[in-house]
mmCIF file of all heavy atoms, coordinates in Angstrom:
data_MODEL
# 
_entry.id   MODEL 
# 
loop_
_atom_site.group_PDB 
_atom_site.id 
_atom_site.type_symbol 
_atom_site.label_atom_id 
_atom_site.label_alt_id 
_atom_site.label_comp_id 
_atom_site.label_asym_id 
_atom_site.label_entity_id 
_atom_site.label_seq_id 
_atom_site.pdbx_PDB_ins_code 
_atom_site.Cartn_x 
_atom_site.Cartn_y 
_atom_site.Cartn_z 
_atom_site.occupancy 
_atom_site.B_iso_or_equiv 
_atom_site.pdbx_formal_charge 
_atom_site.auth_seq_id 
_atom_site.auth_comp_id 
_atom_site.auth_asym_id 
_atom_site.auth_atom_id 
_atom_site.pdbx_PDB_model_num 
ATOM 1   N N   . SER A 1 1  ? 4.441  -9.063  3.820  1.00 0.00 ? 1  SER A N   1 
ATOM 2   C CA  . SER A 1 1  ? 3.906  -9.544  5.089  1.00 0.00 ? 1  SER A CA  1 
ATOM 3   C C   . SER A 1 1  ? 3.745  -8.384  6.060  1.00 0.00 ? 1  SER A C   1 
ATOM 4   O O   . SER A 1 1  ? 4.509  -7.414  6.017  1.00 0.00 ? 1  SER A O   1 
ATOM 5   C CB  . SER A 1 1  ? 4.832  -10.600 5.699  1.00 0.00 ? 1  SER A CB  1 
ATOM 6   O OG  . SER A 1 1  ? 6.000  -9.995  6.220  1.00 0.00 ? 1  SER A OG  1 
ATOM 7   N N   . PRO A 1 2  ? 2.763  -8.489  6.949  1.00 0.00 ? 2  PRO A N   1 
ATOM 8   C CA  . PRO A 1 2  ? 2.621  -7.450  7.979  1.00 0.00 ? 2  PRO A CA  1 
ATOM 9   C C   . PRO A 1 2  ? 3.892  -7.301  8.818  1.00 0.00 ? 2  PRO A C   1 
ATOM 10  O O   . PRO A 1 2  ? 4.253  -6.188  9.199  1.00 0.00 ? 2  PRO A O   1 
ATOM 11  C CB  . PRO A 1 2  ? 1.445  -7.947  8.819  1.00 0.00 ? 2  PRO A CB  1 
ATOM 12  C CG  . PRO A 1 2  ? 0.634  -8.764  7.866  1.00 0.00 ? 2  PRO A CG  1 
ATOM 13  C CD  . PRO A 1 2  ? 1.660  -9.444  6.983  1.00 0.00 ? 2  PRO A CD  1 
ATOM 14  N N   . GLU A 1 3  ? 4.582  -8.390  9.061  1.00 0.00 ? 3  GLU A N   1 
ATOM 15  C CA  . GLU A 1 3  ? 5.811  -8.312  9.860  1.00 0.00 ? 3  GLU A CA  1 
ATOM 16  C C   . GLU A 1 3  ? 6.887  -7.498  9.134  1.00 0.00 ? 3  GLU A C   1 
ATOM 17  O O   . GLU A 1 3  ? 7.621  -6.727  9.761  1.00 0.00 ? 3  GLU A O   1 
ATOM 18  C CB  . GLU A 1 3  ? 6.342  -9.704  10.190 1.00 0.00 ? 3  GLU A CB  1 
ATOM 19  C CG  . GLU A 1 3  ? 7.558  -9.701  11.095 1.00 0.00 ? 3  GLU A CG  1 
ATOM 20  C CD  . GLU A 1 3  ? 7.350  -9.011  12.448 1.00 0.00 ? 3  GLU A CD  1 
ATOM 21  O OE1 . GLU A 1 3  ? 6.201  -8.891  12.930 1.00 0.00 ? 3  GLU A OE1 1 
ATOM 22  O OE2 . GLU A 1 3  ? 8.354  -8.575  13.037 1.00 0.00 ? 3  GLU A OE2 1 
ATOM 23  N N   . THR A 1 4  ? 6.965  -7.632  7.823  1.00 0.00 ? 4  THR A N   1 
ATOM 24  C CA  . THR A 1 4  ? 7.925  -6.846  7.058  1.00 0.00 ? 4  THR A CA  1 
ATOM 25  C C   . THR A 1 4  ? 7.597  -5.364  7.169  1.00 0.00 ? 4  THR A C   1 
ATOM 26  O O   . THR A 1 4  ? 8.487  -4.536  7.424  1.00 0.00 ? 4  THR A O   1 
ATOM 27  C CB  . THR A 1 4  ? 7.949  -7.280  5.585  1.00 0.00 ? 4  THR A CB  1 
ATOM 28  O OG1 . THR A 1 4  ? 8.407  -8.634  5.517  1.00 0.00 ? 4  THR A OG1 1 
ATOM 29  C CG2 . THR A 1 4  ? 8.869  -6.396  4.754  1.00 0.00 ? 4  THR A CG2 1 
ATOM 30  N N   . LEU A 1 5  ? 6.326  -5.015  7.008  1.00 0.00 ? 5  LEU A N   1 
ATOM 31  C CA  . LEU A 1 5  ? 5.936  -3.608  7.136  1.00 0.00 ? 5  LEU A CA  1 
ATOM 32  C C   . LEU A 1 5  ? 6.197  -3.106  8.546  1.00 0.00 ? 5  LEU A C   1 
ATOM 33  O O   . LEU A 1 5  ? 6.685  -1.989  8.730  1.00 0.00 ? 5  LEU A O   1 
ATOM 34  C CB  . LEU A 1 5  ? 4.466  -3.415  6.754  1.00 0.00 ? 5  LEU A CB  1 
ATOM 35  C CG  . LEU A 1 5  ? 3.940  -1.979  6.848  1.00 0.00 ? 5  LEU A CG  1 
ATOM 36  C CD1 . LEU A 1 5  ? 4.811  -1.006  6.055  1.00 0.00 ? 5  LEU A CD1 1 
ATOM 37  C CD2 . LEU A 1 5  ? 2.493  -1.911  6.394  1.00 0.00 ? 5  LEU A CD2 1 
ATOM 38  N N   . ARG A 1 6  ? 5.913  -3.918  9.541  1.00 0.00 ? 6  ARG A N   1 
ATOM 39  C CA  . ARG A 1 6  ? 6.162  -3.530  10.937 1.00 0.00 ? 6  ARG A CA  1 
ATOM 40  C C   . ARG A 1 6  ? 7.650  -3.219  11.143 1.00 0.00 ? 6  ARG A C   1 
ATOM 41  O O   . ARG A 1 6  ? 8.004  -2.212  11.761 1.00 0.00 ? 6  ARG A O   1 
ATOM 42  C CB  . ARG A 1 6  ? 5.715  -4.663  11.874 1.00 0.00 ? 6  ARG A CB  1 
ATOM 43  C CG  . ARG A 1 6  ? 5.796  -4.328  13.346 1.00 0.00 ? 6  ARG A CG  1 
ATOM 44  C CD  . ARG A 1 6  ? 5.231  -5.452  14.226 1.00 0.00 ? 6  ARG A CD  1 
ATOM 45  N NE  . ARG A 1 6  ? 3.785  -5.571  14.040 1.00 0.00 ? 6  ARG A NE  1 
ATOM 46  C CZ  . ARG A 1 6  ? 3.167  -6.593  13.432 1.00 0.00 ? 6  ARG A CZ  1 
ATOM 47  N NH1 . ARG A 1 6  ? 3.865  -7.606  12.953 1.00 0.00 ? 6  ARG A NH1 1 
ATOM 48  N NH2 . ARG A 1 6  ? 1.862  -6.621  13.302 1.00 0.00 ? 6  ARG A NH2 1 
ATOM 49  N N   . LYS A 1 7  ? 8.519  -4.059  10.576 1.00 0.00 ? 7  LYS A N   1 
ATOM 50  C CA  . LYS A 1 7  ? 9.967  -3.847  10.711 1.00 0.00 ? 7  LYS A CA  1 
ATOM 51  C C   . LYS A 1 7  ? 10.416 -2.580  9.990  1.00 0.00 ? 7  LYS A C   1 
ATOM 52  O O   . LYS A 1 7  ? 11.257 -1.836  10.495 1.00 0.00 ? 7  LYS A O   1 
ATOM 53  C CB  . LYS A 1 7  ? 10.742 -5.052  10.170 1.00 0.00 ? 7  LYS A CB  1 
ATOM 54  C CG  . LYS A 1 7  ? 10.670 -6.262  11.068 1.00 0.00 ? 7  LYS A CG  1 
ATOM 55  C CD  . LYS A 1 7  ? 11.429 -7.425  10.457 1.00 0.00 ? 7  LYS A CD  1 
ATOM 56  C CE  . LYS A 1 7  ? 11.337 -8.663  11.323 1.00 0.00 ? 7  LYS A CE  1 
ATOM 57  N NZ  . LYS A 1 7  ? 12.032 -9.803  10.696 1.00 0.00 ? 7  LYS A NZ  1 
ATOM 58  N N   . ILE A 1 8  ? 9.863  -2.336  8.796  1.00 0.00 ? 8  ILE A N   1 
ATOM 59  C CA  . ILE A 1 8  ? 10.239 -1.128  8.058  1.00 0.00 ? 8  ILE A CA  1 
ATOM 60  C C   . ILE A 1 8  ? 9.807  0.108   8.830  1.00 0.00 ? 8  ILE A C   1 
ATOM 61  O O   . ILE A 1 8  ? 10.592 1.046   9.014  1.00 0.00 ? 8  ILE A O   1 
ATOM 62  C CB  . ILE A 1 8  ? 9.615  -1.141  6.640  1.00 0.00 ? 8  ILE A CB  1 
ATOM 63  C CG1 . ILE A 1 8  ? 10.216 -2.266  5.804  1.00 0.00 ? 8  ILE A CG1 1 
ATOM 64  C CG2 . ILE A 1 8  ? 9.831  0.216   5.952  1.00 0.00 ? 8  ILE A CG2 1 
ATOM 65  C CD1 . ILE A 1 8  ? 9.475  -2.527  4.497  1.00 0.00 ? 8  ILE A CD1 1 
ATOM 66  N N   . GLU A 1 9  ? 8.564  0.127   9.289  1.00 0.00 ? 9  GLU A N   1 
ATOM 67  C CA  . GLU A 1 9  ? 8.058  1.295   10.028 1.00 0.00 ? 9  GLU A CA  1 
ATOM 68  C C   . GLU A 1 9  ? 8.827  1.542   11.314 1.00 0.00 ? 9  GLU A C   1 
ATOM 69  O O   . GLU A 1 9  ? 9.019  2.686   11.711 1.00 0.00 ? 9  GLU A O   1 
ATOM 70  C CB  . GLU A 1 9  ? 6.574  1.110   10.347 1.00 0.00 ? 9  GLU A CB  1 
ATOM 71  C CG  . GLU A 1 9  ? 5.670  1.270   9.156  1.00 0.00 ? 9  GLU A CG  1 
ATOM 72  C CD  . GLU A 1 9  ? 4.197  1.188   9.490  1.00 0.00 ? 9  GLU A CD  1 
ATOM 73  O OE1 . GLU A 1 9  ? 3.838  0.934   10.671 1.00 0.00 ? 9  GLU A OE1 1 
ATOM 74  O OE2 . GLU A 1 9  ? 3.379  1.395   8.582  1.00 0.00 ? 9  GLU A OE2 1 
ATOM 75  N N   . ALA A 1 10 ? 9.286  0.473   11.945 1.00 0.00 ? 10 ALA A N   1 
ATOM 76  C CA  . ALA A 1 10 ? 10.021 0.612   13.210 1.00 0.00 ? 10 ALA A CA  1 
ATOM 77  C C   . ALA A 1 10 ? 11.503 0.918   12.997 1.00 0.00 ? 10 ALA A C   1 
ATOM 78  O O   . ALA A 1 10 ? 12.227 1.166   13.957 1.00 0.00 ? 10 ALA A O   1 
ATOM 79  C CB  . ALA A 1 10 ? 9.868  -0.664  14.038 1.00 0.00 ? 10 ALA A CB  1 
ATOM 80  N N   . GLY A 1 11 ? 11.949 0.893   11.734 1.00 0.00 ? 11 GLY A N   1 
ATOM 81  C CA  . GLY A 1 11 ? 13.358 1.156   11.457 1.00 0.00 ? 11 GLY A CA  1 
ATOM 82  C C   . GLY A 1 11 ? 14.251 -0.044  11.664 1.00 0.00 ? 11 GLY A C   1 
ATOM 83  O O   . GLY A 1 11 ? 15.467 0.069   11.609 1.00 0.00 ? 11 GLY A O   1 
ATOM 84  N N   . ARG A 1 12 ? 13.651 -1.213  11.889 1.00 0.00 ? 12 ARG A N   1 
ATOM 85  C CA  . ARG A 1 12 ? 14.450 -2.434  12.085 1.00 0.00 ? 12 ARG A CA  1 
ATOM 86  C C   . ARG A 1 12 ? 14.835 -3.078  10.756 1.00 0.00 ? 12 ARG A C   1 
ATOM 87  O O   . ARG A 1 12 ? 15.654 -3.989  10.732 1.00 0.00 ? 12 ARG A O   1 
ATOM 88  C CB  . ARG A 1 12 ? 13.690 -3.427  12.956 1.00 0.00 ? 12 ARG A CB  1 
ATOM 89  C CG  . ARG A 1 12 ? 13.510 -2.941  14.370 1.00 0.00 ? 12 ARG A CG  1 
ATOM 90  C CD  . ARG A 1 12 ? 13.029 -4.021  15.339 1.00 0.00 ? 12 ARG A CD  1 
ATOM 91  N NE  . ARG A 1 12 ? 12.354 -5.135  14.742 1.00 0.00 ? 12 ARG A NE  1 
ATOM 92  C CZ  . ARG A 1 12 ? 11.034 -5.376  14.825 1.00 0.00 ? 12 ARG A CZ  1 
ATOM 93  N NH1 . ARG A 1 12 ? 10.253 -4.558  15.478 1.00 0.00 ? 12 ARG A NH1 1 
ATOM 94  N NH2 . ARG A 1 12 ? 10.514 -6.442  14.265 1.00 0.00 ? 12 ARG A NH2 1 
ATOM 95  N N   . LEU A 1 13 ? 14.252 -2.609  9.659  1.00 0.00 ? 13 LEU A N   1 
ATOM 96  C CA  . LEU A 1 13 ? 14.619 -3.044  8.310  1.00 0.00 ? 13 LEU A CA  1 
ATOM 97  C C   . LEU A 1 13 ? 14.897 -1.767  7.524  1.00 0.00 ? 13 LEU A C   1 
ATOM 98  O O   . LEU A 1 13 ? 14.077 -1.281  6.758  1.00 0.00 ? 13 LEU A O   1 
ATOM 99  C CB  . LEU A 1 13 ? 13.479 -3.854  7.683  1.00 0.00 ? 13 LEU A CB  1 
ATOM 100 C CG  . LEU A 1 13 ? 13.714 -4.457  6.301  1.00 0.00 ? 13 LEU A CG  1 
ATOM 101 C CD1 . LEU A 1 13 ? 14.935 -5.374  6.314  1.00 0.00 ? 13 LEU A CD1 1 
ATOM 102 C CD2 . LEU A 1 13 ? 12.488 -5.233  5.869  1.00 0.00 ? 13 LEU A CD2 1 
ATOM 103 N N   . PRO A 1 14 ? 16.093 -1.188  7.749  1.00 0.00 ? 14 PRO A N   1 
ATOM 104 C CA  . PRO A 1 14 ? 16.374 0.151   7.217  1.00 0.00 ? 14 PRO A CA  1 
ATOM 105 C C   . PRO A 1 14 ? 16.645 0.220   5.725  1.00 0.00 ? 14 PRO A C   1 
ATOM 106 O O   . PRO A 1 14 ? 16.675 1.308   5.155  1.00 0.00 ? 14 PRO A O   1 
ATOM 107 C CB  . PRO A 1 14 ? 17.597 0.594   8.009  1.00 0.00 ? 14 PRO A CB  1 
ATOM 108 C CG  . PRO A 1 14 ? 18.279 -0.666  8.398  1.00 0.00 ? 14 PRO A CG  1 
ATOM 109 C CD  . PRO A 1 14 ? 17.182 -1.683  8.587  1.00 0.00 ? 14 PRO A CD  1 
ATOM 110 N N   . ALA A 1 15 ? 16.837 -0.916  5.077  1.00 0.00 ? 15 ALA A N   1 
ATOM 111 C CA  . ALA A 1 15 ? 17.124 -0.895  3.642  1.00 0.00 ? 15 ALA A CA  1 
ATOM 112 C C   . ALA A 1 15 ? 16.240 -1.923  2.929  1.00 0.00 ? 15 ALA A C   1 
ATOM 113 O O   . ALA A 1 15 ? 16.723 -2.930  2.425  1.00 0.00 ? 15 ALA A O   1 
ATOM 114 C CB  . ALA A 1 15 ? 18.599 -1.183  3.392  1.00 0.00 ? 15 ALA A CB  1 
ATOM 115 N N   . PRO A 1 16 ? 14.932 -1.660  2.882  1.00 0.00 ? 16 PRO A N   1 
ATOM 116 C CA  . PRO A 1 16 ? 14.048 -2.612  2.216  1.00 0.00 ? 16 PRO A CA  1 
ATOM 117 C C   . PRO A 1 16 ? 14.339 -2.676  0.720  1.00 0.00 ? 16 PRO A C   1 
ATOM 118 O O   . PRO A 1 16 ? 14.892 -1.732  0.142  1.00 0.00 ? 16 PRO A O   1 
ATOM 119 C CB  . PRO A 1 16 ? 12.644 -2.059  2.482  1.00 0.00 ? 16 PRO A CB  1 
ATOM 120 C CG  . PRO A 1 16 ? 12.844 -0.617  2.770  1.00 0.00 ? 16 PRO A CG  1 
ATOM 121 C CD  . PRO A 1 16 ? 14.206 -0.497  3.381  1.00 0.00 ? 16 PRO A CD  1 
ATOM 122 N N   . ALA A 1 17 ? 13.967 -3.780  0.112  1.00 0.00 ? 17 ALA A N   1 
ATOM 123 C CA  . ALA A 1 17 ? 14.176 -3.952  -1.330 1.00 0.00 ? 17 ALA A CA  1 
ATOM 124 C C   . ALA A 1 17 ? 13.425 -2.870  -2.101 1.00 0.00 ? 17 ALA A C   1 
ATOM 125 O O   . ALA A 1 17 ? 12.362 -2.416  -1.680 1.00 0.00 ? 17 ALA A O   1 
ATOM 126 C CB  . ALA A 1 17 ? 13.691 -5.337  -1.753 1.00 0.00 ? 17 ALA A CB  1 
ATOM 127 N N   . PHE A 1 18 ? 13.982 -2.489  -3.235 1.00 0.00 ? 18 PHE A N   1 
ATOM 128 C CA  . PHE A 1 18 ? 13.366 -1.454  -4.058 1.00 0.00 ? 18 PHE A CA  1 
ATOM 129 C C   . PHE A 1 18 ? 11.933 -1.828  -4.418 1.00 0.00 ? 18 PHE A C   1 
ATOM 130 O O   . PHE A 1 18 ? 11.030 -0.999  -4.339 1.00 0.00 ? 18 PHE A O   1 
ATOM 131 C CB  . PHE A 1 18 ? 14.201 -1.235  -5.328 1.00 0.00 ? 18 PHE A CB  1 
ATOM 132 C CG  . PHE A 1 18 ? 13.612 -0.217  -6.247 1.00 0.00 ? 18 PHE A CG  1 
ATOM 133 C CD1 . PHE A 1 18 ? 13.644 1.131   -5.920 1.00 0.00 ? 18 PHE A CD1 1 
ATOM 134 C CD2 . PHE A 1 18 ? 13.022 -0.598  -7.440 1.00 0.00 ? 18 PHE A CD2 1 
ATOM 135 C CE1 . PHE A 1 18 ? 13.101 2.081   -6.772 1.00 0.00 ? 18 PHE A CE1 1 
ATOM 136 C CE2 . PHE A 1 18 ? 12.473 0.345   -8.295 1.00 0.00 ? 18 PHE A CE2 1 
ATOM 137 C CZ  . PHE A 1 18 ? 12.510 1.686   -7.964 1.00 0.00 ? 18 PHE A CZ  1 
ATOM 138 N N   . GLY A 1 19 ? 11.713 -3.062  -4.803 1.00 0.00 ? 19 GLY A N   1 
ATOM 139 C CA  . GLY A 1 19 ? 10.369 -3.506  -5.162 1.00 0.00 ? 19 GLY A CA  1 
ATOM 140 C C   . GLY A 1 19 ? 9.385  -3.353  -4.021 1.00 0.00 ? 19 GLY A C   1 
ATOM 141 O O   . GLY A 1 19 ? 8.213  -3.012  -4.240 1.00 0.00 ? 19 GLY A O   1 
ATOM 142 N N   . THR A 1 20 ? 9.842  -3.580  -2.819 1.00 0.00 ? 20 THR A N   1 
ATOM 143 C CA  . THR A 1 20 ? 8.994  -3.411  -1.640 1.00 0.00 ? 20 THR A CA  1 
ATOM 144 C C   . THR A 1 20 ? 8.591  -1.953  -1.483 1.00 0.00 ? 20 THR A C   1 
ATOM 145 O O   . THR A 1 20 ? 7.423  -1.640  -1.231 1.00 0.00 ? 20 THR A O   1 
ATOM 146 C CB  . THR A 1 20 ? 9.727  -3.905  -0.372 1.00 0.00 ? 20 THR A CB  1 
ATOM 147 O OG1 . THR A 1 20 ? 10.030 -5.298  -0.529 1.00 0.00 ? 20 THR A OG1 1 
ATOM 148 C CG2 . THR A 1 20 ? 8.905  -3.690  0.875  1.00 0.00 ? 20 THR A CG2 1 
ATOM 149 N N   . VAL A 1 21 ? 9.543  -1.051  -1.655 1.00 0.00 ? 21 VAL A N   1 
ATOM 150 C CA  . VAL A 1 21 ? 9.244  0.382   -1.537 1.00 0.00 ? 21 VAL A CA  1 
ATOM 151 C C   . VAL A 1 21 ? 8.294  0.821   -2.647 1.00 0.00 ? 21 VAL A C   1 
ATOM 152 O O   . VAL A 1 21 ? 7.363  1.593   -2.402 1.00 0.00 ? 21 VAL A O   1 
ATOM 153 C CB  . VAL A 1 21 ? 10.544 1.219   -1.537 1.00 0.00 ? 21 VAL A CB  1 
ATOM 154 C CG1 . VAL A 1 21 ? 10.235 2.708   -1.479 1.00 0.00 ? 21 VAL A CG1 1 
ATOM 155 C CG2 . VAL A 1 21 ? 11.435 0.814   -0.361 1.00 0.00 ? 21 VAL A CG2 1 
ATOM 156 N N   . VAL A 1 22 ? 8.492  0.302   -3.847 1.00 0.00 ? 22 VAL A N   1 
ATOM 157 C CA  . VAL A 1 22 ? 7.598  0.635   -4.968 1.00 0.00 ? 22 VAL A CA  1 
ATOM 158 C C   . VAL A 1 22 ? 6.170  0.188   -4.639 1.00 0.00 ? 22 VAL A C   1 
ATOM 159 O O   . VAL A 1 22 ? 5.206  0.952   -4.815 1.00 0.00 ? 22 VAL A O   1 
ATOM 160 C CB  . VAL A 1 22 ? 8.079  -0.013  -6.280 1.00 0.00 ? 22 VAL A CB  1 
ATOM 161 C CG1 . VAL A 1 22 ? 7.020  0.092   -7.370 1.00 0.00 ? 22 VAL A CG1 1 
ATOM 162 C CG2 . VAL A 1 22 ? 9.386  0.621   -6.737 1.00 0.00 ? 22 VAL A CG2 1 
ATOM 163 N N   . CYS A 1 23 ? 6.010  -1.034  -4.159 1.00 0.00 ? 23 CYS A N   1 
ATOM 164 C CA  . CYS A 1 23 ? 4.678  -1.552  -3.836 1.00 0.00 ? 23 CYS A CA  1 
ATOM 165 C C   . CYS A 1 23 ? 4.033  -0.773  -2.688 1.00 0.00 ? 23 CYS A C   1 
ATOM 166 O O   . CYS A 1 23 ? 2.825  -0.503  -2.722 1.00 0.00 ? 23 CYS A O   1 
ATOM 167 C CB  . CYS A 1 23 ? 4.756  -3.037  -3.514 1.00 0.00 ? 23 CYS A CB  1 
ATOM 168 S SG  . CYS A 1 23 ? 5.142  -4.047  -4.960 1.00 0.00 ? 23 CYS A SG  1 
ATOM 169 N N   . LEU A 1 24 ? 4.817  -0.378  -1.699 1.00 0.00 ? 24 LEU A N   1 
ATOM 170 C CA  . LEU A 1 24 ? 4.283  0.433   -0.610 1.00 0.00 ? 24 LEU A CA  1 
ATOM 171 C C   . LEU A 1 24 ? 3.885  1.813   -1.118 1.00 0.00 ? 24 LEU A C   1 
ATOM 172 O O   . LEU A 1 24 ? 2.858  2.361   -0.711 1.00 0.00 ? 24 LEU A O   1 
ATOM 173 C CB  . LEU A 1 24 ? 5.301  0.553   0.527  1.00 0.00 ? 24 LEU A CB  1 
ATOM 174 C CG  . LEU A 1 24 ? 5.449  -0.696  1.385  1.00 0.00 ? 24 LEU A CG  1 
ATOM 175 C CD1 . LEU A 1 24 ? 6.686  -0.601  2.272  1.00 0.00 ? 24 LEU A CD1 1 
ATOM 176 C CD2 . LEU A 1 24 ? 4.195  -0.907  2.226  1.00 0.00 ? 24 LEU A CD2 1 
# 
């Protein structure tokens, strides 16, 4: 979701799932 990416980029989701990082 765009909100998930927004949180990761802003540092509000500092430990995203491995699969998420792979897909990004």
